[in-house]
Amino acid sequence: MVLAAVSAGKADTRAQVRQSCGQDIQQYCQSAIGGGKEKMRNCVRDNASQFSEPCRAALKDAWQVRRQQNDKAPAAQTDAE
């Protein structure tokens, strides 16, 4: 149950980032599209200061969710066992 909630939260933040950052990514990270997750992450990190305010807010929320999920990962495994 905990893992389902984590997955749902992760999907929600991804959708929000896609919606809020689509134009910014097209503008600043066109060369990273299709280049894999690491290439895209690097481009987003390198160009985030140029992104629109809604995009930066969505990225900040997504990074917070990811940190929280990483912090809770061992506890989630224990609960599932």
Protein backbone atom coordinates (compact mmCIF):
# COMPACT_ATOMS: atom_id res chain seq x y z
CA MET A 1 0.00 0.00 0.00
CA VAL A 2 2.82 2.40 0.81
CA LEU A 3 4.52 1.54 -2.47
CA ALA A 4 1.31 2.24 -4.41
CA ALA A 5 1.06 5.69 -2.83
CA VAL A 6 4.70 6.39 -3.67
CA SER A 7 4.17 5.32 -7.29
CA ALA A 8 1.06 7.48 -7.61
CA GLY A 9 2.87 10.50 -6.18
CA LYS A 10 5.78 9.96 -8.53
CA ALA A 11 3.46 9.73 -11.56
CA ASP A 12 1.65 12.92 -10.50
CA THR A 13 4.88 14.89 -10.23
CA ARG A 14 6.12 13.59 -13.59
CA ALA A 15 2.88 14.68 -15.24
CA GLN A 16 3.14 18.11 -13.61
CA VAL A 17 6.74 18.54 -14.78
CA ARG A 18 5.80 17.52 -18.33
CA GLN A 19 2.93 19.97 -18.38
CA SER A 20 4.80 22.87 -16.79
CA CYS A 21 8.19 22.35 -18.46
CA GLY A 22 7.37 21.11 -21.96
CA GLN A 23 8.12 24.42 -23.67
CA ASP A 24 11.22 25.07 -21.57
CA ILE A 25 12.62 21.64 -22.34
CA GLN A 26 11.92 22.10 -26.04
CA GLN A 27 13.73 25.44 -25.95
CA TYR A 28 16.72 24.65 -23.74
CA CYS A 29 17.14 20.87 -23.87
CA GLN A 30 16.17 19.91 -27.42
CA SER A 31 19.51 18.14 -27.88
CA ALA A 32 18.89 15.98 -24.79
CA ILE A 33 15.51 14.66 -25.95
CA GLY A 34 15.89 10.97 -26.72
CA GLY A 35 19.37 10.92 -25.22
CA GLY A 36 18.46 9.07 -22.05
CA LYS A 37 17.57 10.04 -18.50
CA GLU A 38 21.06 11.09 -17.47
CA LYS A 39 21.49 13.45 -20.42
CA MET A 40 18.08 15.01 -19.77
CA ARG A 41 18.74 15.38 -16.02
CA ASN A 42 22.04 17.10 -16.73
CA CYS A 43 20.44 19.48 -19.22
CA VAL A 44 17.58 20.34 -16.86
CA ARG A 45 19.99 20.91 -13.98
CA ASP A 46 22.28 23.06 -16.16
CA ASN A 47 19.44 25.18 -17.57
CA ALA A 48 16.91 25.29 -14.71
CA SER A 49 17.70 28.91 -13.90
CA GLN A 50 16.48 29.89 -17.39
CA PHE A 51 13.21 27.93 -17.14
CA SER A 52 9.87 29.61 -16.47
CA GLU A 53 8.68 30.08 -12.90
CA PRO A 54 5.91 27.42 -13.19
CA CYS A 55 8.47 24.93 -14.50
CA ARG A 56 10.96 25.70 -11.73
CA ALA A 57 8.19 25.25 -9.14
CA ALA A 58 7.19 21.89 -10.66
CA LEU A 59 10.82 20.76 -10.69
CA LYS A 60 11.28 21.82 -7.06
CA ASP A 61 8.19 19.82 -6.06
CA ALA A 62 9.39 16.80 -8.03
CA TRP A 63 12.85 16.95 -6.44
CA GLN A 64 11.29 17.16 -2.97
CA VAL A 65 9.07 14.15 -3.66
CA ARG A 66 12.06 12.21 -4.94
CA ARG A 67 14.13 13.07 -1.84
CA GLN A 68 11.25 12.04 0.43
CA GLN A 69 10.83 8.77 -1.45
CA ASN A 70 14.55 8.05 -1.19
CA ASP A 71 14.46 8.79 2.54
CA LYS A 72 11.46 6.48 3.05
CA ALA A 73 12.62 3.63 0.79
CA PRO A 74 14.08 1.42 3.56
CA ALA A 75 10.96 1.91 5.70
CA ALA A 76 8.71 1.04 2.77
CA GLN A 77 10.61 -2.20 2.25
CA THR A 78 10.23 -3.08 5.92
CA ASP A 79 6.48 -2.38 5.81
CA ALA A 80 6.08 -4.57 2.73
CA GLU A 81 7.84 -7.53 4.35
